[in-house]
């Protein structure tokens, strides 16, 4: 099949498992669509797929940059489109998997970006000051005032392109033939999944991963963007207790999941599927039937 399969949804919902099964069925190769998983060394906090989980399926755009490197949505747009063409030319199916909506839309839609020469983090500004700065340059922005990550990205977009990001987001012209699949579950179950995933991350070494970065005094965009590191950095600085840090990681992850659903519903025509966690094969079968009917 020549269509691109796109799998979206928040952390822990089942995207990785689904992508592997669809790659097996449709001779697919998987392309990362998570802005934090392009970086080496950031494994546990970003919930990066393991070698064992890959099941010998070809994966692209994972671990391609150093945590000291600057990597923008413009860079991802170029890299992802190149991978899509390479995979299509092999008569295989590109499968984009991830939760970074702007990266997905930049790669697949008729977005125009200039190469970003620099990136400013605006660490000296409060959330409110940063939001006011955004409104000065983009009064029509729909970004929530508490979404610091996207506000910083939008301001940097303006500084590098001399026009508001909201103007670029208006395009709905797809450049490829795509099938958009979204995985979802009820809010209570999703929040339980997220909380349990954070506990699992701690069990498999999140503290050690964060401490290694903390000790190296690395505070780049790559490190400060994912949920998990900055909260533990505050604990290492003795600003908060470990219990408070863990609670913040869970809370920020839940809020991020909520924002992801809102963004995807506003920006793309996603076909949502409720995951059967009692028997995930039922979900796989339902999605495969949907794909067969929409090829």
Protein backbone atom coordinates (compact mmCIF):
# COMPACT_ATOMS: atom_id res chain seq x y z
CA UNK A 1 0.00 0.00 0.00
CA UNK A 2 1.22 3.51 -0.82
CA UNK A 3 -0.65 5.34 1.91
CA UNK A 4 1.17 6.69 4.94
CA UNK A 5 -0.15 5.44 8.27
CA UNK A 6 -0.03 7.98 11.09
CA UNK A 7 -0.50 6.80 14.68
CA UNK A 8 -1.07 9.44 17.37
CA UNK A 9 -2.05 9.57 21.02
CA UNK A 10 -0.57 10.31 24.45
CA UNK A 11 2.14 8.35 26.24
CA UNK A 12 1.33 4.82 27.31
CA UNK A 13 -1.81 4.44 25.23
CA UNK A 14 -0.38 1.69 22.99
CA UNK A 15 1.08 3.45 19.93
CA UNK A 16 4.34 1.46 19.92
CA UNK A 17 2.67 -1.95 20.07
CA UNK A 18 0.18 -1.01 17.36
CA UNK A 19 2.90 0.39 15.08
CA UNK A 20 4.89 -2.85 15.24
CA UNK A 21 1.88 -4.97 14.33
CA UNK A 22 0.89 -2.71 11.44
CA UNK A 23 4.48 -2.64 10.18
CA UNK A 24 4.45 -6.45 10.06
CA UNK A 25 1.16 -6.56 8.17
CA UNK A 26 1.83 -3.76 5.67
CA UNK A 27 5.58 -4.14 5.13
CA UNK A 28 6.11 -0.94 7.03
CA UNK A 29 9.01 1.08 8.36
CA UNK A 30 8.46 3.33 11.35
CA UNK A 31 9.34 7.02 11.54
CA UNK A 32 9.58 8.73 14.91
CA UNK A 33 7.21 11.68 15.37
CA UNK A 34 8.18 12.64 18.92
CA UNK A 35 10.33 15.76 19.28
CA UNK A 36 12.21 14.39 22.30
CA UNK A 37 13.08 10.95 20.91
CA UNK A 38 15.38 12.31 18.20
CA UNK A 39 18.00 12.82 20.91
CA UNK A 40 20.50 10.26 22.14
CA UNK A 41 20.71 9.55 25.91
CA UNK A 42 17.10 10.59 26.58
CA UNK A 43 15.53 7.16 26.87
CA UNK A 44 13.43 6.56 29.96
CA UNK A 45 11.76 9.95 30.39
CA UNK A 46 10.85 10.06 26.70
CA UNK A 47 9.48 6.48 26.73
CA UNK A 48 11.70 5.66 23.76
CA UNK A 49 11.19 2.29 22.11
CA UNK A 50 13.75 -0.35 23.09
CA UNK A 51 15.66 -2.58 20.67
CA UNK A 52 13.68 -5.57 21.92
CA UNK A 53 10.36 -3.80 21.31
CA UNK A 54 11.37 -2.99 17.71
CA UNK A 55 11.14 -6.70 16.77
CA UNK A 56 13.61 -6.14 13.91
CA UNK A 57 11.32 -3.57 12.26
CA UNK A 58 13.25 -0.71 10.66
CA UNK A 59 12.95 2.53 12.68
CA UNK A 60 13.96 6.03 11.58
CA UNK A 61 14.73 9.40 13.23
CA UNK A 62 15.44 7.97 16.68
CA UNK A 63 18.74 8.90 18.37
CA UNK A 64 19.90 11.06 15.48
CA UNK A 65 21.03 14.13 17.46
CA UNK A 66 23.23 14.86 20.44
CA UNK A 67 21.58 16.54 23.44
CA UNK A 68 23.81 19.56 22.90
CA UNK A 69 22.55 19.97 19.32
CA UNK A 70 19.84 22.34 18.17
CA UNK A 71 17.07 20.59 16.21
CA UNK A 72 14.01 22.46 15.00
CA UNK A 73 10.67 21.66 13.43
CA UNK A 74 12.20 22.82 10.13
CA UNK A 75 14.93 20.18 10.50
CA UNK A 76 12.35 17.52 11.28
CA UNK A 77 10.25 18.52 8.27
CA UNK A 78 13.22 18.02 5.96
CA UNK A 79 14.36 14.76 7.58
CA UNK A 80 10.91 13.19 7.79
CA UNK A 81 9.96 13.97 4.19
CA UNK A 82 13.24 12.48 3.02
CA UNK A 83 12.55 9.27 4.97
CA UNK A 84 8.99 9.09 3.64
CA UNK A 85 10.23 9.24 0.06
CA UNK A 86 12.94 6.65 0.73
CA UNK A 87 10.42 4.22 2.22
CA UNK A 88 7.83 4.79 -0.53
CA UNK A 89 10.50 4.23 -3.18
CA UNK A 90 11.11 0.78 -1.68
CA UNK A 91 7.38 0.06 -2.06
CA UNK A 92 7.06 -0.08 1.71
CA UNK A 93 4.64 1.71 4.04
CA UNK A 94 5.83 4.72 6.07
CA UNK A 95 4.32 4.64 9.55
CA UNK A 96 4.64 7.86 11.55
CA UNK A 97 4.30 7.30 15.28
CA UNK A 98 4.33 9.90 18.02
CA UNK A 99 2.62 12.63 19.95
CA UNK A 100 4.26 15.82 18.69
CA UNK A 101 1.47 17.24 16.60
CA UNK A 102 3.40 20.15 15.12
CA UNK A 103 6.11 17.80 13.83
CA UNK A 104 3.53 15.56 12.18
CA UNK A 105 1.68 18.45 10.58
CA UNK A 106 4.90 20.09 9.42
CA UNK A 107 5.99 16.88 7.72
CA UNK A 108 2.72 15.96 6.03
CA UNK A 109 1.01 19.26 5.27
CA UNK A 110 1.93 22.19 3.04
CA UNK A 111 3.83 24.05 5.73
CA UNK A 112 6.45 26.62 4.82
CA UNK A 113 9.37 27.02 7.23
CA UNK A 114 12.60 28.93 7.07
CA UNK A 115 15.64 27.35 8.60
CA UNK A 116 15.88 28.47 12.22
CA UNK A 117 19.19 30.14 12.90
CA UNK A 118 18.81 30.23 16.66
CA UNK A 119 16.59 29.21 19.52
CA UNK A 120 15.88 31.23 22.64
CA UNK A 121 14.55 29.52 25.77
CA UNK A 122 13.39 32.70 27.57
CA UNK A 123 14.21 31.20 30.96
CA UNK A 124 14.29 34.71 32.45
CA UNK A 125 10.58 35.26 31.74
CA UNK A 126 7.67 34.01 33.85
CA UNK A 127 4.85 32.06 32.20
CA UNK A 128 2.65 35.17 32.24
CA UNK A 129 5.38 37.42 30.79
CA UNK A 130 6.05 34.85 28.09
CA UNK A 131 2.37 34.59 27.20
CA UNK A 132 2.07 38.38 26.91
CA UNK A 133 5.10 38.39 24.61
CA UNK A 134 3.37 35.84 22.41
CA UNK A 135 0.17 37.90 22.23
CA UNK A 136 2.17 40.96 21.19
CA UNK A 137 3.48 39.19 18.09
CA UNK A 138 0.51 36.86 17.49
CA UNK A 139 -2.80 38.20 18.88
CA UNK A 140 -4.69 35.35 17.21
CA UNK A 141 -2.69 32.57 18.82
CA UNK A 142 -4.81 29.75 20.25
CA UNK A 143 -2.00 28.35 22.40
CA UNK A 144 -3.03 27.96 26.05
CA UNK A 145 -1.27 30.40 28.36
CA UNK A 146 0.06 27.53 30.51
CA UNK A 147 1.63 25.67 27.58
CA UNK A 148 5.11 27.17 27.97
CA UNK A 149 6.73 24.70 25.58
CA UNK A 150 4.51 25.65 22.65
CA UNK A 151 4.63 29.37 23.48
CA UNK A 152 8.44 29.31 23.34
CA UNK A 153 8.29 27.44 20.03
CA UNK A 154 5.78 29.96 18.61
CA UNK A 155 7.89 32.97 19.62
CA UNK A 156 11.00 31.40 18.12
CA UNK A 157 9.05 30.69 14.93
CA UNK A 158 8.18 34.38 14.69
CA UNK A 159 11.76 35.45 15.32
CA UNK A 160 13.04 33.16 12.58
CA UNK A 161 10.24 33.59 10.03
CA UNK A 162 9.00 37.13 10.72
CA UNK A 163 5.37 36.01 10.76
CA UNK A 164 3.11 34.41 13.38
CA UNK A 165 2.94 30.63 13.69
CA UNK A 166 -0.88 30.80 13.66
CA UNK A 167 -0.75 31.92 10.00
CA UNK A 168 1.22 28.82 9.07
CA UNK A 169 -1.10 26.51 10.97
CA UNK A 170 -4.07 27.48 8.81
CA UNK A 171 -3.11 25.15 5.98
CA UNK A 172 -5.03 21.89 5.68
CA UNK A 173 -3.52 20.78 2.37
CA UNK A 174 -1.98 17.35 2.75
CA UNK A 175 1.04 16.54 0.60
CA UNK A 176 0.63 12.78 0.99
CA UNK A 177 -2.12 10.19 1.02
CA UNK A 178 -2.52 9.41 4.73
CA UNK A 179 -4.61 7.39 7.13
CA UNK A 180 -4.71 9.00 10.58
CA UNK A 181 -5.18 6.61 13.50
CA UNK A 182 -5.63 7.86 17.08
CA UNK A 183 -5.63 5.68 20.19
CA UNK A 184 -7.73 6.75 23.13
CA UNK A 185 -9.37 5.56 26.33
CA UNK A 186 -11.52 7.16 28.99
CA UNK A 187 -9.88 9.87 31.07
CA UNK A 188 -9.75 7.92 34.33
CA UNK A 189 -8.08 4.96 32.67
CA UNK A 190 -5.65 7.19 30.77
CA UNK A 191 -4.61 8.97 33.95
CA UNK A 192 -4.07 5.62 35.69
CA UNK A 193 -1.93 4.46 32.74
CA UNK A 194 0.14 7.65 32.92
CA UNK A 195 0.61 7.43 36.69
CA UNK A 196 1.63 3.77 36.45
CA UNK A 197 4.01 4.53 33.60
CA UNK A 198 5.78 7.17 35.69
CA UNK A 199 6.19 4.62 38.49
CA UNK A 200 7.61 2.13 36.00
CA UNK A 201 10.04 4.75 34.67
CA UNK A 202 11.31 5.28 38.20
CA UNK A 203 11.67 1.52 38.68
CA UNK A 204 13.82 1.13 35.55
CA UNK A 205 16.17 4.02 36.27
CA UNK A 206 14.66 7.46 35.58
CA UNK A 207 16.37 8.92 38.66
CA UNK A 208 19.82 7.75 37.52
CA UNK A 209 19.21 8.98 33.96
CA UNK A 210 18.19 12.42 35.24
CA UNK A 211 21.04 12.61 37.77
CA UNK A 212 23.61 11.90 35.07
CA UNK A 213 22.34 14.86 33.05
CA UNK A 214 22.08 17.03 36.16
CA UNK A 215 25.67 16.33 37.18
CA UNK A 216 26.88 17.24 33.69
CA UNK A 217 25.04 20.58 34.04
CA UNK A 218 23.29 20.09 30.70
CA UNK A 219 20.29 22.42 30.42
CA UNK A 220 19.70 22.46 26.68
CA UNK A 221 16.32 22.53 24.97
CA UNK A 222 16.64 18.79 24.44
CA UNK A 223 16.94 18.11 28.17
CA UNK A 224 14.54 20.71 29.51
CA UNK A 225 11.67 19.92 27.09
CA UNK A 226 10.69 16.34 28.11
CA UNK A 227 8.63 15.88 31.24
CA UNK A 228 10.70 14.14 33.90
CA UNK A 229 14.10 15.79 33.99
CA UNK A 230 13.38 19.35 35.08
CA UNK A 231 11.11 18.14 37.88
CA UNK A 232 13.86 15.88 39.23
CA UNK A 233 16.42 18.67 38.77
CA UNK A 234 14.39 20.72 41.28
CA UNK A 235 14.56 17.77 43.67
CA UNK A 236 18.34 17.48 43.21
CA UNK A 237 18.54 21.25 43.91
CA UNK A 238 16.61 20.59 47.15
CA UNK A 239 13.84 22.94 46.07
CA UNK A 240 11.18 20.24 46.41
CA UNK A 241 10.89 16.77 47.91
CA UNK A 242 11.13 13.59 45.85
CA UNK A 243 7.45 12.96 46.47
CA UNK A 244 6.62 16.42 45.13
CA UNK A 245 8.83 15.87 42.06
CA UNK A 246 7.13 12.57 41.24
CA UNK A 247 3.71 14.14 41.72
CA UNK A 248 4.70 16.96 39.35
CA UNK A 249 5.87 14.50 36.69
CA UNK A 250 2.53 12.70 36.86
CA UNK A 251 0.53 15.92 36.86
CA UNK A 252 2.46 17.48 33.97
CA UNK A 253 2.13 14.23 31.99
CA UNK A 254 -1.65 14.18 32.52
CA UNK A 255 -1.99 17.83 31.49
CA UNK A 256 0.16 17.23 28.43
CA UNK A 257 -2.01 14.29 27.36
CA UNK A 258 -5.09 16.47 27.63
CA UNK A 259 -3.47 19.17 25.48
CA UNK A 260 -2.42 16.57 22.91
CA UNK A 261 -6.00 15.41 22.41
CA UNK A 262 -7.21 19.00 22.08
CA UNK A 263 -4.52 19.84 19.52
CA UNK A 264 -5.09 16.78 17.35
CA UNK A 265 -8.85 17.27 17.36
CA UNK A 266 -8.43 20.88 16.21
CA UNK A 267 -5.66 20.38 13.68
CA UNK A 268 -6.19 17.00 12.00
CA UNK A 269 -8.94 14.64 10.96
CA UNK A 270 -8.05 11.78 13.31
CA UNK A 271 -9.93 8.47 13.32
CA UNK A 272 -10.06 7.63 17.04
CA UNK A 273 -10.19 4.08 18.40
CA UNK A 274 -10.92 3.13 21.99
CA UNK A 275 -8.23 0.69 23.08
CA UNK A 276 -9.28 -2.70 24.42
CA UNK A 277 -6.67 -3.22 27.12
CA UNK A 278 -8.15 -6.59 28.09
CA UNK A 279 -7.36 -7.87 24.60
CA UNK A 280 -5.23 -5.49 22.54
CA UNK A 281 -5.55 -7.82 19.54
CA UNK A 282 -9.17 -6.70 19.26
CA UNK A 283 -7.98 -3.12 18.79
CA UNK A 284 -5.38 -4.20 16.23
CA UNK A 285 -8.02 -6.14 14.29
CA UNK A 286 -10.47 -3.22 14.34
CA UNK A 287 -7.82 -0.82 13.02
CA UNK A 288 -6.62 -3.25 10.35
CA UNK A 289 -10.20 -3.58 9.09
CA UNK A 290 -10.51 0.21 9.01
CA UNK A 291 -7.28 0.50 7.01
CA UNK A 292 -8.39 -2.19 4.57
CA UNK A 293 -11.64 -0.28 3.96
CA UNK A 294 -9.78 2.98 3.40
CA UNK A 295 -6.87 1.89 1.21
